[in-house]
mmCIF file of all heavy atoms, coordinates in Angstrom:
data_MODEL
# 
_entry.id   MODEL 
# 
loop_
_atom_site.group_PDB 
_atom_site.id 
_atom_site.type_symbol 
_atom_site.label_atom_id 
_atom_site.label_alt_id 
_atom_site.label_comp_id 
_atom_site.label_asym_id 
_atom_site.label_entity_id 
_atom_site.label_seq_id 
_atom_site.pdbx_PDB_ins_code 
_atom_site.Cartn_x 
_atom_site.Cartn_y 
_atom_site.Cartn_z 
_atom_site.occupancy 
_atom_site.B_iso_or_equiv 
_atom_site.pdbx_formal_charge 
_atom_site.auth_seq_id 
_atom_site.auth_comp_id 
_atom_site.auth_asym_id 
_atom_site.auth_atom_id 
_atom_site.pdbx_PDB_model_num 
ATOM 1   N N   . ALA A 1 1  ? 155.966 242.725 205.516 1.00 0.00 ? 1  ALA A N   1 
ATOM 2   C CA  . ALA A 1 1  ? 155.414 241.560 206.203 1.00 0.00 ? 1  ALA A CA  1 
ATOM 3   C C   . ALA A 1 1  ? 153.896 241.518 206.062 1.00 0.00 ? 1  ALA A C   1 
ATOM 4   O O   . ALA A 1 1  ? 153.303 240.449 205.875 1.00 0.00 ? 1  ALA A O   1 
ATOM 5   C CB  . ALA A 1 1  ? 155.811 241.605 207.675 1.00 0.00 ? 1  ALA A CB  1 
ATOM 6   N N   . ILE A 1 2  ? 153.256 242.688 206.138 1.00 0.00 ? 2  ILE A N   1 
ATOM 7   C CA  . ILE A 1 2  ? 151.793 242.746 205.990 1.00 0.00 ? 2  ILE A CA  1 
ATOM 8   C C   . ILE A 1 2  ? 151.383 242.355 204.572 1.00 0.00 ? 2  ILE A C   1 
ATOM 9   O O   . ILE A 1 2  ? 150.445 241.560 204.374 1.00 0.00 ? 2  ILE A O   1 
ATOM 10  C CB  . ILE A 1 2  ? 151.282 244.155 206.338 1.00 0.00 ? 2  ILE A CB  1 
ATOM 11  C CG1 . ILE A 1 2  ? 151.528 244.456 207.820 1.00 0.00 ? 2  ILE A CG1 1 
ATOM 12  C CG2 . ILE A 1 2  ? 149.787 244.288 206.008 1.00 0.00 ? 2  ILE A CG2 1 
ATOM 13  C CD1 . ILE A 1 2  ? 151.244 245.894 208.215 1.00 0.00 ? 2  ILE A CD1 1 
ATOM 14  N N   . VAL A 1 3  ? 152.066 242.899 203.573 1.00 0.00 ? 3  VAL A N   1 
ATOM 15  C CA  . VAL A 1 3  ? 151.737 242.582 202.181 1.00 0.00 ? 3  VAL A CA  1 
ATOM 16  C C   . VAL A 1 3  ? 152.035 241.109 201.888 1.00 0.00 ? 3  VAL A C   1 
ATOM 17  O O   . VAL A 1 3  ? 151.308 240.460 201.122 1.00 0.00 ? 3  VAL A O   1 
ATOM 18  C CB  . VAL A 1 3  ? 152.511 243.509 201.216 1.00 0.00 ? 3  VAL A CB  1 
ATOM 19  C CG1 . VAL A 1 3  ? 152.296 243.095 199.762 1.00 0.00 ? 3  VAL A CG1 1 
ATOM 20  C CG2 . VAL A 1 3  ? 152.070 244.959 201.408 1.00 0.00 ? 3  VAL A CG2 1 
ATOM 21  N N   . PHE A 1 4  ? 153.065 240.554 202.530 1.00 0.00 ? 4  PHE A N   1 
ATOM 22  C CA  . PHE A 1 4  ? 153.367 239.127 202.352 1.00 0.00 ? 4  PHE A CA  1 
ATOM 23  C C   . PHE A 1 4  ? 152.212 238.276 202.877 1.00 0.00 ? 4  PHE A C   1 
ATOM 24  O O   . PHE A 1 4  ? 151.822 237.280 202.244 1.00 0.00 ? 4  PHE A O   1 
ATOM 25  C CB  . PHE A 1 4  ? 154.658 238.771 203.088 1.00 0.00 ? 4  PHE A CB  1 
ATOM 26  C CG  . PHE A 1 4  ? 155.241 237.450 202.692 1.00 0.00 ? 4  PHE A CG  1 
ATOM 27  C CD1 . PHE A 1 4  ? 156.064 237.339 201.581 1.00 0.00 ? 4  PHE A CD1 1 
ATOM 28  C CD2 . PHE A 1 4  ? 154.981 236.309 203.426 1.00 0.00 ? 4  PHE A CD2 1 
ATOM 29  C CE1 . PHE A 1 4  ? 156.603 236.121 201.208 1.00 0.00 ? 4  PHE A CE1 1 
ATOM 30  C CE2 . PHE A 1 4  ? 155.506 235.080 203.070 1.00 0.00 ? 4  PHE A CE2 1 
ATOM 31  C CZ  . PHE A 1 4  ? 156.321 234.987 201.958 1.00 0.00 ? 4  PHE A CZ  1 
ATOM 32  N N   . GLY A 1 5  ? 151.648 238.684 204.016 1.00 0.00 ? 5  GLY A N   1 
ATOM 33  C CA  . GLY A 1 5  ? 150.486 237.981 204.543 1.00 0.00 ? 5  GLY A CA  1 
ATOM 34  C C   . GLY A 1 5  ? 149.298 238.081 203.607 1.00 0.00 ? 5  GLY A C   1 
ATOM 35  O O   . GLY A 1 5  ? 148.563 237.097 203.400 1.00 0.00 ? 5  GLY A O   1 
ATOM 36  N N   . TYR A 1 6  ? 149.123 239.266 203.000 1.00 0.00 ? 6  TYR A N   1 
ATOM 37  C CA  . TYR A 1 6  ? 148.038 239.441 202.032 1.00 0.00 ? 6  TYR A CA  1 
ATOM 38  C C   . TYR A 1 6  ? 148.260 238.567 200.807 1.00 0.00 ? 6  TYR A C   1 
ATOM 39  O O   . TYR A 1 6  ? 147.320 237.932 200.297 1.00 0.00 ? 6  TYR A O   1 
ATOM 40  C CB  . TYR A 1 6  ? 147.966 240.912 201.616 1.00 0.00 ? 6  TYR A CB  1 
ATOM 41  C CG  . TYR A 1 6  ? 146.999 241.197 200.496 1.00 0.00 ? 6  TYR A CG  1 
ATOM 42  C CD1 . TYR A 1 6  ? 145.634 241.261 200.726 1.00 0.00 ? 6  TYR A CD1 1 
ATOM 43  C CD2 . TYR A 1 6  ? 147.466 241.406 199.196 1.00 0.00 ? 6  TYR A CD2 1 
ATOM 44  C CE1 . TYR A 1 6  ? 144.745 241.520 199.696 1.00 0.00 ? 6  TYR A CE1 1 
ATOM 45  C CE2 . TYR A 1 6  ? 146.590 241.668 198.161 1.00 0.00 ? 6  TYR A CE2 1 
ATOM 46  C CZ  . TYR A 1 6  ? 145.232 241.736 198.420 1.00 0.00 ? 6  TYR A CZ  1 
ATOM 47  O OH  . TYR A 1 6  ? 144.349 241.984 197.391 1.00 0.00 ? 6  TYR A OH  1 
ATOM 48  N N   . ALA A 1 7  ? 149.511 238.478 200.347 1.00 0.00 ? 7  ALA A N   1 
ATOM 49  C CA  . ALA A 1 7  ? 149.826 237.647 199.181 1.00 0.00 ? 7  ALA A CA  1 
ATOM 50  C C   . ALA A 1 7  ? 149.537 236.180 199.452 1.00 0.00 ? 7  ALA A C   1 
ATOM 51  O O   . ALA A 1 7  ? 149.124 235.432 198.554 1.00 0.00 ? 7  ALA A O   1 
ATOM 52  C CB  . ALA A 1 7  ? 151.295 237.833 198.786 1.00 0.00 ? 7  ALA A CB  1 
ATOM 53  N N   . ALA A 1 8  ? 149.725 235.755 200.710 1.00 0.00 ? 8  ALA A N   1 
ATOM 54  C CA  . ALA A 1 8  ? 149.453 234.363 201.064 1.00 0.00 ? 8  ALA A CA  1 
ATOM 55  C C   . ALA A 1 8  ? 147.985 234.019 200.881 1.00 0.00 ? 8  ALA A C   1 
ATOM 56  O O   . ALA A 1 8  ? 147.631 232.873 200.578 1.00 0.00 ? 8  ALA A O   1 
ATOM 57  C CB  . ALA A 1 8  ? 149.869 234.114 202.514 1.00 0.00 ? 8  ALA A CB  1 
ATOM 58  N N   . VAL A 1 9  ? 147.117 235.024 201.043 1.00 0.00 ? 9  VAL A N   1 
ATOM 59  C CA  . VAL A 1 9  ? 145.678 234.813 200.907 1.00 0.00 ? 9  VAL A CA  1 
ATOM 60  C C   . VAL A 1 9  ? 145.207 235.078 199.475 1.00 0.00 ? 9  VAL A C   1 
ATOM 61  O O   . VAL A 1 9  ? 144.361 234.342 198.940 1.00 0.00 ? 9  VAL A O   1 
ATOM 62  C CB  . VAL A 1 9  ? 144.900 235.726 201.883 1.00 0.00 ? 9  VAL A CB  1 
ATOM 63  C CG1 . VAL A 1 9  ? 143.396 235.597 201.679 1.00 0.00 ? 9  VAL A CG1 1 
ATOM 64  C CG2 . VAL A 1 9  ? 145.283 235.408 203.316 1.00 0.00 ? 9  VAL A CG2 1 
ATOM 65  N N   . ALA A 1 10 ? 145.768 236.115 198.839 1.00 0.00 ? 10 ALA A N   1 
ATOM 66  C CA  . ALA A 1 10 ? 145.233 236.592 197.559 1.00 0.00 ? 10 ALA A CA  1 
ATOM 67  C C   . ALA A 1 10 ? 145.864 235.959 196.332 1.00 0.00 ? 10 ALA A C   1 
ATOM 68  O O   . ALA A 1 10 ? 145.292 236.035 195.239 1.00 0.00 ? 10 ALA A O   1 
ATOM 69  C CB  . ALA A 1 10 ? 145.383 238.109 197.480 1.00 0.00 ? 10 ALA A CB  1 
ATOM 70  N N   . SER A 1 11 ? 147.036 235.359 196.458 1.00 0.00 ? 11 SER A N   1 
ATOM 71  C CA  . SER A 1 11 ? 147.713 234.817 195.279 1.00 0.00 ? 11 SER A CA  1 
ATOM 72  C C   . SER A 1 11 ? 147.937 233.321 195.421 1.00 0.00 ? 11 SER A C   1 
ATOM 73  O O   . SER A 1 11 ? 147.773 232.754 196.504 1.00 0.00 ? 11 SER A O   1 
ATOM 74  C CB  . SER A 1 11 ? 149.054 235.526 195.057 1.00 0.00 ? 11 SER A CB  1 
ATOM 75  O OG  . SER A 1 11 ? 149.949 235.229 196.112 1.00 0.00 ? 11 SER A OG  1 
ATOM 76  N N   . ASP A 1 12 ? 148.325 232.691 194.329 1.00 0.00 ? 12 ASP A N   1 
ATOM 77  C CA  . ASP A 1 12 ? 148.514 231.239 194.343 1.00 0.00 ? 12 ASP A CA  1 
ATOM 78  C C   . ASP A 1 12 ? 149.974 230.833 194.519 1.00 0.00 ? 12 ASP A C   1 
ATOM 79  O O   . ASP A 1 12 ? 150.296 229.648 194.518 1.00 0.00 ? 12 ASP A O   1 
ATOM 80  C CB  . ASP A 1 12 ? 147.967 230.626 193.050 1.00 0.00 ? 12 ASP A CB  1 
ATOM 81  C CG  . ASP A 1 12 ? 148.634 231.218 191.808 1.00 0.00 ? 12 ASP A CG  1 
ATOM 82  O OD1 . ASP A 1 12 ? 149.471 232.130 191.964 1.00 0.00 ? 12 ASP A OD1 1 
ATOM 83  O OD2 . ASP A 1 12 ? 148.314 230.777 190.696 1.00 0.00 ? 12 ASP A OD2 1 
ATOM 84  N N   . ARG A 1 13 ? 150.881 231.830 194.657 1.00 0.00 ? 13 ARG A N   1 
ATOM 85  C CA  . ARG A 1 13 ? 152.300 231.507 194.824 1.00 0.00 ? 13 ARG A CA  1 
ATOM 86  C C   . ARG A 1 13 ? 152.946 232.508 195.766 1.00 0.00 ? 13 ARG A C   1 
ATOM 87  O O   . ARG A 1 13 ? 152.743 233.711 195.666 1.00 0.00 ? 13 ARG A O   1 
ATOM 88  C CB  . ARG A 1 13 ? 153.018 231.539 193.479 1.00 0.00 ? 13 ARG A CB  1 
ATOM 89  C CG  . ARG A 1 13 ? 153.102 230.178 192.842 1.00 0.00 ? 13 ARG A CG  1 
ATOM 90  C CD  . ARG A 1 13 ? 154.293 230.031 191.938 1.00 0.00 ? 13 ARG A CD  1 
ATOM 91  N NE  . ARG A 1 13 ? 154.255 230.956 190.816 1.00 0.00 ? 13 ARG A NE  1 
ATOM 92  C CZ  . ARG A 1 13 ? 155.326 231.552 190.328 1.00 0.00 ? 13 ARG A CZ  1 
ATOM 93  N NH1 . ARG A 1 13 ? 156.504 231.356 190.878 1.00 0.00 ? 13 ARG A NH1 1 
ATOM 94  N NH2 . ARG A 1 13 ? 155.222 232.347 189.300 1.00 0.00 ? 13 ARG A NH2 1 
ATOM 95  N N   . LEU A 1 14 ? 153.765 232.017 196.702 1.00 0.00 ? 14 LEU A N   1 
ATOM 96  C CA  . LEU A 1 14 ? 154.426 232.882 197.672 1.00 0.00 ? 14 LEU A CA  1 
ATOM 97  C C   . LEU A 1 14 ? 155.931 232.958 197.473 1.00 0.00 ? 14 LEU A C   1 
ATOM 98  O O   . LEU A 1 14 ? 156.594 233.689 198.192 1.00 0.00 ? 14 LEU A O   1 
ATOM 99  C CB  . LEU A 1 14 ? 154.152 232.387 199.100 1.00 0.00 ? 14 LEU A CB  1 
ATOM 100 C CG  . LEU A 1 14 ? 152.880 232.888 199.771 1.00 0.00 ? 14 LEU A CG  1 
ATOM 101 C CD1 . LEU A 1 14 ? 152.770 232.328 201.163 1.00 0.00 ? 14 LEU A CD1 1 
ATOM 102 C CD2 . LEU A 1 14 ? 152.858 234.407 199.802 1.00 0.00 ? 14 LEU A CD2 1 
ATOM 103 N N   . ARG A 1 15 ? 156.452 232.223 196.502 1.00 0.00 ? 15 ARG A N   1 
ATOM 104 C CA  . ARG A 1 15 ? 157.908 232.159 196.343 1.00 0.00 ? 15 ARG A CA  1 
ATOM 105 C C   . ARG A 1 15 ? 158.282 232.253 194.870 1.00 0.00 ? 15 ARG A C   1 
ATOM 106 O O   . ARG A 1 15 ? 157.693 231.575 194.034 1.00 0.00 ? 15 ARG A O   1 
ATOM 107 C CB  . ARG A 1 15 ? 158.425 230.837 196.922 1.00 0.00 ? 15 ARG A CB  1 
ATOM 108 C CG  . ARG A 1 15 ? 159.937 230.685 196.930 1.00 0.00 ? 15 ARG A CG  1 
ATOM 109 C CD  . ARG A 1 15 ? 160.321 229.379 197.628 1.00 0.00 ? 15 ARG A CD  1 
ATOM 110 N NE  . ARG A 1 15 ? 161.760 229.176 197.601 1.00 0.00 ? 15 ARG A NE  1 
ATOM 111 C CZ  . ARG A 1 15 ? 162.434 228.616 196.600 1.00 0.00 ? 15 ARG A CZ  1 
ATOM 112 N NH1 . ARG A 1 15 ? 161.765 228.200 195.528 1.00 0.00 ? 15 ARG A NH1 1 
ATOM 113 N NH2 . ARG A 1 15 ? 163.742 228.474 196.660 1.00 0.00 ? 15 ARG A NH2 1 
ATOM 114 N N   . PRO A 1 16 ? 159.254 233.115 194.553 1.00 0.00 ? 16 PRO A N   1 
ATOM 115 C CA  . PRO A 1 16 ? 159.736 233.164 193.163 1.00 0.00 ? 16 PRO A CA  1 
ATOM 116 C C   . PRO A 1 16 ? 160.348 231.827 192.753 1.00 0.00 ? 16 PRO A C   1 
ATOM 117 O O   . PRO A 1 16 ? 160.926 231.118 193.576 1.00 0.00 ? 16 PRO A O   1 
ATOM 118 C CB  . PRO A 1 16 ? 160.813 234.262 193.204 1.00 0.00 ? 16 PRO A CB  1 
ATOM 119 C CG  . PRO A 1 16 ? 160.521 235.055 194.435 1.00 0.00 ? 16 PRO A CG  1 
ATOM 120 C CD  . PRO A 1 16 ? 159.948 234.086 195.418 1.00 0.00 ? 16 PRO A CD  1 
ATOM 121 N N   . VAL A 1 17 ? 160.219 231.509 191.488 1.00 0.00 ? 17 VAL A N   1 
ATOM 122 C CA  . VAL A 1 17 ? 160.769 230.264 190.947 1.00 0.00 ? 17 VAL A CA  1 
ATOM 123 C C   . VAL A 1 17 ? 161.624 230.612 189.726 1.00 0.00 ? 17 VAL A C   1 
ATOM 124 O O   . VAL A 1 17 ? 161.172 231.318 188.826 1.00 0.00 ? 17 VAL A O   1 
ATOM 125 C CB  . VAL A 1 17 ? 159.649 229.284 190.545 1.00 0.00 ? 17 VAL A CB  1 
ATOM 126 C CG1 . VAL A 1 17 ? 160.236 228.042 189.880 1.00 0.00 ? 17 VAL A CG1 1 
ATOM 127 C CG2 . VAL A 1 17 ? 158.815 228.888 191.762 1.00 0.00 ? 17 VAL A CG2 1 
ATOM 128 N N   . GLY A 1 18 ? 162.824 230.132 189.695 1.00 0.00 ? 18 GLY A N   1 
ATOM 129 C CA  . GLY A 1 18 ? 163.677 230.361 188.532 1.00 0.00 ? 18 GLY A CA  1 
ATOM 130 C C   . GLY A 1 18 ? 164.453 231.664 188.628 1.00 0.00 ? 18 GLY A C   1 
ATOM 131 O O   . GLY A 1 18 ? 164.156 232.564 189.413 1.00 0.00 ? 18 GLY A O   1 
ATOM 132 N N   . ARG A 1 19 ? 165.474 231.746 187.776 1.00 0.00 ? 19 ARG A N   1 
ATOM 133 C CA  . ARG A 1 19 ? 166.375 232.888 187.799 1.00 0.00 ? 19 ARG A CA  1 
ATOM 134 C C   . ARG A 1 19 ? 165.677 234.201 187.453 1.00 0.00 ? 19 ARG A C   1 
ATOM 135 O O   . ARG A 1 19 ? 165.938 235.238 188.062 1.00 0.00 ? 19 ARG A O   1 
ATOM 136 C CB  . ARG A 1 19 ? 167.523 232.635 186.813 1.00 0.00 ? 19 ARG A CB  1 
ATOM 137 C CG  . ARG A 1 19 ? 168.623 233.677 186.844 1.00 0.00 ? 19 ARG A CG  1 
ATOM 138 C CD  . ARG A 1 19 ? 169.756 233.293 185.910 1.00 0.00 ? 19 ARG A CD  1 
ATOM 139 N NE  . ARG A 1 19 ? 170.343 232.005 186.305 1.00 0.00 ? 19 ARG A NE  1 
ATOM 140 C CZ  . ARG A 1 19 ? 171.281 231.393 185.594 1.00 0.00 ? 19 ARG A CZ  1 
ATOM 141 N NH1 . ARG A 1 19 ? 171.721 231.931 184.462 1.00 0.00 ? 19 ARG A NH1 1 
ATOM 142 N NH2 . ARG A 1 19 ? 171.780 230.249 186.012 1.00 0.00 ? 19 ARG A NH2 1 
ATOM 143 N N   . ALA A 1 20 ? 164.760 234.169 186.484 1.00 0.00 ? 20 ALA A N   1 
ATOM 144 C CA  . ALA A 1 20 ? 164.095 235.398 186.043 1.00 0.00 ? 20 ALA A CA  1 
ATOM 145 C C   . ALA A 1 20 ? 163.239 235.999 187.165 1.00 0.00 ? 20 ALA A C   1 
ATOM 146 O O   . ALA A 1 20 ? 163.251 237.220 187.376 1.00 0.00 ? 20 ALA A O   1 
ATOM 147 C CB  . ALA A 1 20 ? 163.233 235.125 184.813 1.00 0.00 ? 20 ALA A CB  1 
ATOM 148 N N   . GLU A 1 21 ? 162.502 235.168 187.887 1.00 0.00 ? 21 GLU A N   1 
ATOM 149 C CA  . GLU A 1 21 ? 161.640 235.685 188.941 1.00 0.00 ? 21 GLU A CA  1 
ATOM 150 C C   . GLU A 1 21 ? 162.451 236.197 190.130 1.00 0.00 ? 21 GLU A C   1 
ATOM 151 O O   . GLU A 1 21 ? 162.107 237.225 190.726 1.00 0.00 ? 21 GLU A O   1 
ATOM 152 C CB  . GLU A 1 21 ? 160.640 234.615 189.378 1.00 0.00 ? 21 GLU A CB  1 
ATOM 153 C CG  . GLU A 1 21 ? 159.599 234.323 188.302 1.00 0.00 ? 21 GLU A CG  1 
ATOM 154 C CD  . GLU A 1 21 ? 158.503 233.391 188.763 1.00 0.00 ? 21 GLU A CD  1 
ATOM 155 O OE1 . GLU A 1 21 ? 158.596 232.863 189.891 1.00 0.00 ? 21 GLU A OE1 1 
ATOM 156 O OE2 . GLU A 1 21 ? 157.552 233.181 188.002 1.00 0.00 ? 21 GLU A OE2 1 
ATOM 157 N N   . TRP A 1 22 ? 163.518 235.491 190.472 1.00 0.00 ? 22 TRP A N   1 
ATOM 158 C CA  . TRP A 1 22 ? 164.381 235.996 191.544 1.00 0.00 ? 22 TRP A CA  1 
ATOM 159 C C   . TRP A 1 22 ? 165.064 237.299 191.127 1.00 0.00 ? 22 TRP A C   1 
ATOM 160 O O   . TRP A 1 22 ? 165.239 238.218 191.954 1.00 0.00 ? 22 TRP A O   1 
ATOM 161 C CB  . TRP A 1 22 ? 165.422 234.940 191.932 1.00 0.00 ? 22 TRP A CB  1 
ATOM 162 C CG  . TRP A 1 22 ? 164.889 233.887 192.846 1.00 0.00 ? 22 TRP A CG  1 
ATOM 163 C CD1 . TRP A 1 22 ? 164.651 232.580 192.568 1.00 0.00 ? 22 TRP A CD1 1 
ATOM 164 C CD2 . TRP A 1 22 ? 164.499 234.065 194.214 1.00 0.00 ? 22 TRP A CD2 1 
ATOM 165 N NE1 . TRP A 1 22 ? 164.139 231.925 193.658 1.00 0.00 ? 22 TRP A NE1 1 
ATOM 166 C CE2 . TRP A 1 22 ? 164.038 232.810 194.690 1.00 0.00 ? 22 TRP A CE2 1 
ATOM 167 C CE3 . TRP A 1 22 ? 164.498 235.151 195.087 1.00 0.00 ? 22 TRP A CE3 1 
ATOM 168 C CZ2 . TRP A 1 22 ? 163.584 232.623 196.002 1.00 0.00 ? 22 TRP A CZ2 1 
ATOM 169 C CZ3 . TRP A 1 22 ? 164.047 234.970 196.391 1.00 0.00 ? 22 TRP A CZ3 1 
ATOM 170 C CH2 . TRP A 1 22 ? 163.594 233.719 196.837 1.00 0.00 ? 22 TRP A CH2 1 
ATOM 171 N N   . ALA A 1 23 ? 165.438 237.396 189.863 1.00 0.00 ? 23 ALA A N   1 
ATOM 172 C CA  . ALA A 1 23 ? 166.025 238.649 189.369 1.00 0.00 ? 23 ALA A CA  1 
ATOM 173 C C   . ALA A 1 23 ? 165.011 239.785 189.446 1.00 0.00 ? 23 ALA A C   1 
ATOM 174 O O   . ALA A 1 23 ? 165.349 240.917 189.806 1.00 0.00 ? 23 ALA A O   1 
ATOM 175 C CB  . ALA A 1 23 ? 166.517 238.468 187.940 1.00 0.00 ? 23 ALA A CB  1 
ATOM 176 N N   . ALA A 1 24 ? 163.746 239.493 189.122 1.00 0.00 ? 24 ALA A N   1 
ATOM 177 C CA  . ALA A 1 24 ? 162.700 240.518 189.157 1.00 0.00 ? 24 ALA A CA  1 
ATOM 178 C C   . ALA A 1 24 ? 162.498 241.065 190.562 1.00 0.00 ? 24 ALA A C   1 
ATOM 179 O O   . ALA A 1 24 ? 162.429 242.285 190.763 1.00 0.00 ? 24 ALA A O   1 
ATOM 180 C CB  . ALA A 1 24 ? 161.389 239.941 188.610 1.00 0.00 ? 24 ALA A CB  1 
ATOM 181 N N   . VAL A 1 25 ? 162.408 240.172 191.569 1.00 0.00 ? 25 VAL A N   1 
ATOM 182 C CA  . VAL A 1 25 ? 162.198 240.662 192.935 1.00 0.00 ? 25 VAL A CA  1 
ATOM 183 C C   . VAL A 1 25 ? 163.438 241.379 193.455 1.00 0.00 ? 25 VAL A C   1 
ATOM 184 O O   . VAL A 1 25 ? 163.334 242.346 194.220 1.00 0.00 ? 25 VAL A O   1 
ATOM 185 C CB  . VAL A 1 25 ? 161.755 239.526 193.890 1.00 0.00 ? 25 VAL A CB  1 
ATOM 186 C CG1 . VAL A 1 25 ? 160.434 238.929 193.441 1.00 0.00 ? 25 VAL A CG1 1 
ATOM 187 C CG2 . VAL A 1 25 ? 162.819 238.445 194.021 1.00 0.00 ? 25 VAL A CG2 1 
ATOM 188 N N   . ALA A 1 26 ? 164.628 240.926 193.029 1.00 0.00 ? 26 ALA A N   1 
ATOM 189 C CA  . ALA A 1 26 ? 165.856 241.596 193.467 1.00 0.00 ? 26 ALA A CA  1 
ATOM 190 C C   . ALA A 1 26 ? 165.959 242.994 192.890 1.00 0.00 ? 26 ALA A C   1 
ATOM 191 O O   . ALA A 1 26 ? 166.283 243.959 193.600 1.00 0.00 ? 26 ALA A O   1 
ATOM 192 C CB  . ALA A 1 26 ? 167.076 240.758 193.065 1.00 0.00 ? 26 ALA A CB  1 
ATOM 193 N N   . ILE A 1 27 ? 165.677 243.132 191.582 1.00 0.00 ? 27 ILE A N   1 
ATOM 194 C CA  . ILE A 1 27 ? 165.734 244.456 190.947 1.00 0.00 ? 27 ILE A CA  1 
ATOM 195 C C   . ILE A 1 27 ? 164.697 245.388 191.560 1.00 0.00 ? 27 ILE A C   1 
ATOM 196 O O   . ILE A 1 27 ? 164.981 246.543 191.887 1.00 0.00 ? 27 ILE A O   1 
ATOM 197 C CB  . ILE A 1 27 ? 165.525 244.334 189.425 1.00 0.00 ? 27 ILE A CB  1 
ATOM 198 C CG1 . ILE A 1 27 ? 166.735 243.652 188.783 1.00 0.00 ? 27 ILE A CG1 1 
ATOM 199 C CG2 . ILE A 1 27 ? 165.293 245.709 188.791 1.00 0.00 ? 27 ILE A CG2 1 
ATOM 200 C CD1 . ILE A 1 27 ? 166.524 243.273 187.329 1.00 0.00 ? 27 ILE A CD1 1 
ATOM 201 N N   . ALA A 1 28 ? 163.461 244.888 191.737 1.00 0.00 ? 28 ALA A N   1 
ATOM 202 C CA  . ALA A 1 28 ? 162.421 245.719 192.338 1.00 0.00 ? 28 ALA A CA  1 
ATOM 203 C C   . ALA A 1 28 ? 162.796 246.105 193.766 1.00 0.00 ? 28 ALA A C   1 
ATOM 204 O O   . ALA A 1 28 ? 162.595 247.252 194.182 1.00 0.00 ? 28 ALA A O   1 
ATOM 205 C CB  . ALA A 1 28 ? 161.086 244.979 192.320 1.00 0.00 ? 28 ALA A CB  1 
# 
């Protein structure tokens, strides 16, 4: 949850898009 809050500030995207990105977060 803390890193998600950091990602909201530091990155330009908060949600995976497409099958490949969802697969990447699932595998990780």
